Amino acid sequence: MLIPALDLINGEVVRLQQGDFARQTTFASNPLPIVADYQQAGAQWLHLVDLDGARDPAKRQLALLKDITSATTMNIQVGGGIRSQADLEGLFNAGVQRVVVGSVAVRELRLVQQWLETYGPDAIVLALDVNIDANGVAYVATHGWQETSELTLNQLIDAYLPYGLRHVLCTDISRDGMLSGCNINLYRQLKTDYPQVQVQASGGVAGLNDLELLQAIGCDAAILGKALLTGKFTLEEALSCWPNA
């Protein structure tokens, strides 16, 4: 499926280049009209990143998230600074279907393994954002991409598979917000190694050709952010080249 994405700061729709708050572009003062457009175009899921919550969970935009969930029939997954079970509960109570878990999945494996067991594999998405070294090894980054862990992408997935892991959102950090094209080899290898995992490709989608390449390798989903906001293509055009999206 194709999943349009909106990043939110102080109620506004923004984009960051490679996760850098100093390189922020504001696209809209109110996300609700864009949400309505994406639903009208036929999207089934919406991906939201609460960047205020990512910096400080106490500033999570729960009221805005509730406004969005109540205004749309799309399913919604939300990420940004998820650190505790209380964070998960707050989002589920706000009407969110899936919670996207990032840094805490690298730092506290047992905690997130328990979340998978408690809430089920369809309620949790692991956001594994990677820096790829000169040898082609993908290491998972944490703390808003400011730090790279010693754990590889495969090591993290292997640690969660016994607990029912089903959804992985993987971003090549070097490509995020750059409109430079997807890292097709990364997603091809993921689907080869873990055919049972639903892979969401994120970062770099610049044109419809990227979507065709992702579908050709059997990628399960693509996150569409900056390309939609900047008019590289419309969601309707994207959906038409990704059958059954």
Protein backbone atom coordinates (compact mmCIF):
# COMPACT_ATOMS: atom_id res chain seq x y z
CA MET A 1 0.00 0.00 0.00
CA LEU A 2 0.94 3.63 -0.34
CA ILE A 3 0.96 5.68 2.86
CA PRO A 4 1.01 9.49 2.66
CA ALA A 5 2.93 11.08 5.53
CA LEU A 6 2.73 14.35 7.41
CA ASP A 7 5.30 15.66 9.88
CA LEU A 8 3.82 17.96 12.53
CA ILE A 9 5.38 20.75 14.59
CA ASN A 10 3.18 23.07 16.67
CA GLY A 11 0.15 22.06 14.64
CA GLU A 12 1.81 22.81 11.29
CA VAL A 13 2.82 20.49 8.45
CA VAL A 14 6.59 20.61 7.99
CA ARG A 15 9.44 18.64 6.46
CA LEU A 16 12.96 18.25 7.76
CA GLN A 17 15.95 17.34 5.63
CA GLN A 18 17.61 14.23 7.08
CA GLY A 19 15.93 14.84 10.44
CA ASP A 20 17.62 18.20 10.96
CA PHE A 21 15.38 20.70 12.76
CA ALA A 22 17.59 23.50 11.40
CA ARG A 23 16.55 22.52 7.88
CA GLN A 24 12.79 22.81 8.25
CA THR A 25 10.28 23.77 5.59
CA THR A 26 6.69 24.61 6.56
CA PHE A 27 4.07 23.50 4.05
CA ALA A 28 0.77 24.24 5.78
CA SER A 29 -0.54 25.81 8.96
CA ASN A 30 -3.31 23.23 9.29
CA PRO A 31 -3.02 19.53 8.40
CA LEU A 32 -6.76 18.80 8.24
CA PRO A 33 -7.36 19.96 4.63
CA ILE A 34 -4.41 17.84 3.48
CA VAL A 35 -5.72 14.85 5.43
CA ALA A 36 -9.10 15.29 3.72
CA ASP A 37 -7.41 15.45 0.31
CA TYR A 38 -5.49 12.24 0.96
CA GLN A 39 -8.65 10.44 2.03
CA GLN A 40 -10.50 11.74 -1.02
CA ALA A 41 -7.69 10.46 -3.24
CA GLY A 42 -8.20 6.96 -1.87
CA ALA A 43 -5.48 6.45 0.76
CA GLN A 44 -6.25 3.75 3.32
CA TRP A 45 -3.52 4.67 5.79
CA LEU A 46 -1.91 7.90 6.98
CA HIS A 47 1.51 8.19 8.62
CA LEU A 48 1.99 11.03 11.13
CA VAL A 49 5.19 12.08 12.85
CA ASP A 50 4.77 14.21 15.95
CA LEU A 51 8.06 16.08 15.96
CA ASP A 52 7.13 18.02 19.10
CA GLY A 53 6.57 14.71 20.85
CA ALA A 54 9.85 13.42 19.47
CA ARG A 55 11.73 16.23 21.17
CA ASP A 56 9.68 16.16 24.37
CA PRO A 57 6.97 13.54 25.03
CA ALA A 58 5.31 15.99 27.43
CA LYS A 59 4.59 18.20 24.42
CA ARG A 60 2.97 15.48 22.33
CA GLN A 61 0.25 16.99 20.12
CA LEU A 62 -2.50 14.67 21.37
CA ALA A 63 -5.30 17.16 20.84
CA LEU A 64 -4.29 17.62 17.21
CA LEU A 65 -3.95 13.87 16.72
CA LYS A 66 -7.45 13.37 18.12
CA ASP A 67 -8.76 16.03 15.72
CA ILE A 68 -7.18 14.16 12.82
CA THR A 69 -8.37 10.68 13.81
CA SER A 70 -11.92 11.95 14.32
CA ALA A 71 -11.93 13.77 10.98
CA THR A 72 -10.91 10.83 8.78
CA THR A 73 -11.81 7.22 8.12
CA MET A 74 -8.22 6.42 7.17
CA ASN A 75 -6.24 4.20 9.51
CA ILE A 76 -3.46 6.14 11.20
CA GLN A 77 -0.02 5.24 12.43
CA VAL A 78 1.92 7.73 14.56
CA GLY A 79 5.54 8.02 15.57
CA GLY A 80 7.70 10.49 17.41
CA GLY A 81 9.30 10.06 20.83
CA ILE A 82 7.49 6.92 21.97
CA ARG A 83 9.31 5.96 25.17
CA SER A 84 6.81 4.38 27.54
CA GLN A 85 3.66 2.31 27.73
CA ALA A 86 1.85 5.49 28.76
CA ASP A 87 2.87 7.04 25.43
CA LEU A 88 1.35 4.07 23.60
CA GLU A 89 -1.85 4.20 25.62
CA GLY A 90 -2.23 7.92 24.98
CA LEU A 91 -1.99 7.39 21.23
CA PHE A 92 -4.33 4.41 21.16
CA ASN A 93 -6.83 6.41 23.22
CA ALA A 94 -6.52 9.21 20.65
CA GLY A 95 -7.80 6.83 17.98
CA VAL A 96 -4.51 5.72 16.45
CA GLN A 97 -4.38 2.20 14.98
CA ARG A 98 -0.61 1.69 15.01
CA VAL A 99 2.22 3.20 17.01
CA VAL A 100 5.59 3.63 15.33
CA VAL A 101 8.45 2.86 17.73
CA GLY A 102 11.98 4.02 16.97
CA SER A 103 14.88 4.68 19.34
CA VAL A 104 13.38 2.81 22.30
CA ALA A 105 13.29 -0.35 20.16
CA VAL A 106 17.08 -0.11 19.91
CA ARG A 107 17.76 0.88 23.52
CA GLU A 108 15.23 -1.29 25.36
CA LEU A 109 14.63 -4.48 23.46
CA ARG A 110 12.83 -6.35 26.22
CA LEU A 111 10.36 -3.51 26.78
CA VAL A 112 9.35 -3.35 23.13
CA GLN A 113 9.25 -7.13 22.86
CA GLN A 114 6.70 -7.00 25.68
CA TRP A 115 4.71 -4.35 23.81
CA LEU A 116 4.50 -6.65 20.80
CA GLU A 117 3.21 -9.43 23.04
CA THR A 118 0.75 -7.15 24.84
CA TYR A 119 -0.74 -5.18 21.94
CA GLY A 120 -0.19 -7.59 19.08
CA PRO A 121 1.96 -7.39 15.95
CA ASP A 122 -0.46 -5.17 14.02
CA ALA A 123 -0.40 -2.42 16.66
CA ILE A 124 3.36 -1.82 16.60
CA VAL A 125 5.61 -0.68 13.74
CA LEU A 126 9.36 -0.73 14.27
CA ALA A 127 10.95 2.34 12.69
CA LEU A 128 14.48 1.21 11.94
CA ASP A 129 16.36 4.13 10.42
CA VAL A 130 19.77 3.24 9.08
CA ASN A 131 23.15 4.64 8.21
CA ILE A 132 24.94 2.44 5.70
CA ASP A 133 28.71 2.12 6.05
CA ALA A 134 31.32 1.79 3.32
CA ASN A 135 30.93 -1.98 3.39
CA GLY A 136 27.20 -1.77 2.81
CA VAL A 137 26.26 -2.74 6.37
CA ALA A 138 23.14 -0.96 7.67
CA TYR A 139 23.47 0.25 11.27
CA VAL A 140 20.39 1.50 13.10
CA ALA A 141 20.41 5.14 14.24
CA THR A 142 18.76 6.53 17.36
CA HIS A 143 17.98 9.85 19.07
CA GLY A 144 16.50 11.58 16.04
CA TRP A 145 19.28 10.19 13.85
CA GLN A 146 21.93 11.99 15.88
CA GLU A 147 23.54 8.74 17.04
CA THR A 148 24.30 5.43 15.31
CA SER A 149 24.05 2.28 17.39
CA GLU A 150 26.30 -0.76 17.14
CA LEU A 151 23.35 -2.90 16.15
CA THR A 152 22.71 -3.77 12.53
CA LEU A 153 19.32 -3.77 10.87
CA ASN A 154 19.32 -7.56 10.69
CA GLN A 155 20.27 -7.94 14.35
CA LEU A 156 17.34 -5.79 15.43
CA ILE A 157 14.82 -7.61 13.25
CA ASP A 158 16.12 -11.00 14.41
CA ALA A 159 15.65 -9.91 18.04
CA TYR A 160 11.97 -9.10 17.49
CA LEU A 161 10.81 -11.84 15.13
CA PRO A 162 10.19 -14.38 17.94
CA TYR A 163 7.79 -11.88 19.52
CA GLY A 164 5.60 -11.54 16.44
CA LEU A 165 7.21 -8.63 14.62
CA ARG A 166 5.21 -7.94 11.45
CA HIS A 167 5.73 -4.29 10.43
CA VAL A 168 9.06 -2.56 9.81
CA LEU A 169 9.38 0.99 8.52
CA CYS A 170 12.91 1.38 7.22
CA THR A 171 14.49 4.70 6.24
CA ASP A 172 17.86 5.24 4.59
CA ILE A 173 18.77 8.44 6.43
CA SER A 174 21.03 9.68 3.65
CA ARG A 175 18.01 9.88 1.35
CA ASP A 176 15.30 11.23 3.62
CA GLY A 177 13.82 14.50 2.41
CA MET A 178 16.33 14.67 -0.42
CA LEU A 179 14.10 13.46 -3.32
CA SER A 180 17.11 11.47 -4.51
CA GLY A 181 15.37 8.16 -5.15
CA CYS A 182 14.85 5.12 -2.93
CA ASN A 183 17.56 2.73 -1.85
CA ILE A 184 16.11 -0.15 -3.81
CA ASN A 185 18.92 -2.54 -2.87
CA LEU A 186 18.19 -2.03 0.84
CA TYR A 187 14.54 -3.00 0.47
CA ARG A 188 15.26 -5.84 -1.92
CA GLN A 189 17.63 -7.36 0.65
CA LEU A 190 15.10 -6.87 3.44
CA LYS A 191 12.38 -8.69 1.52
CA THR A 192 14.82 -11.44 0.60
CA ASP A 193 15.93 -11.95 4.21
CA TYR A 194 12.51 -11.46 5.82
CA PRO A 195 9.67 -12.30 3.42
CA GLN A 196 7.30 -12.63 6.39
CA VAL A 197 7.80 -8.99 7.43
CA GLN A 198 5.68 -6.19 5.99
CA VAL A 199 8.28 -3.63 4.88
CA GLN A 200 7.41 0.07 4.62
CA ALA A 201 9.99 1.89 2.49
CA SER A 202 10.69 5.46 3.54
CA GLY A 203 13.04 8.14 2.31
CA GLY A 204 13.91 9.45 -1.10
CA VAL A 205 10.80 8.72 -3.16
CA ALA A 206 11.07 11.31 -5.92
CA GLY A 207 8.92 10.02 -8.75
CA LEU A 208 6.52 7.35 -9.90
CA ASN A 209 9.45 5.32 -11.17
CA ASP A 210 10.60 4.80 -7.58
CA LEU A 211 7.22 3.31 -6.74
CA GLU A 212 7.37 1.00 -9.74
CA LEU A 213 10.82 -0.20 -8.66
CA LEU A 214 9.65 -0.81 -5.09
CA GLN A 215 6.66 -2.78 -6.27
CA ALA A 216 8.83 -4.81 -8.63
CA ILE A 217 10.96 -6.08 -5.72
CA GLY A 218 7.90 -6.96 -3.64
CA CYS A 219 8.08 -4.11 -1.14
CA ASP A 220 4.85 -4.03 0.84
CA ALA A 221 4.37 -0.29 1.34
CA ALA A 222 5.91 3.08 0.61
CA ILE A 223 5.77 6.22 2.72
CA LEU A 224 5.13 9.32 0.60
CA GLY A 225 6.12 12.59 2.19
CA LYS A 226 7.97 15.42 0.52
CA ALA A 227 7.21 14.25 -3.03
CA LEU A 228 3.47 14.77 -2.46
CA LEU A 229 3.87 18.06 -0.62
CA THR A 230 6.08 19.53 -3.34
CA GLY A 231 3.92 18.27 -6.20
CA LYS A 232 6.35 15.80 -7.76
CA PHE A 233 3.26 13.70 -8.37
CA THR A 234 -0.23 13.45 -6.93
CA LEU A 235 -1.49 10.72 -4.66
CA GLU A 236 -3.99 9.76 -7.35
CA GLU A 237 -1.15 9.26 -9.82
CA ALA A 238 0.78 7.22 -7.29
CA LEU A 239 -2.18 4.99 -6.50
CA SER A 240 -2.81 4.38 -10.18
CA CYS A 241 0.66 2.91 -10.65
CA TRP A 242 0.50 0.79 -7.48
CA PRO A 243 -2.47 -1.54 -7.98
CA ASN A 244 -4.35 -2.61 -4.86
CA ALA A 245 -2.64 0.15 -2.86
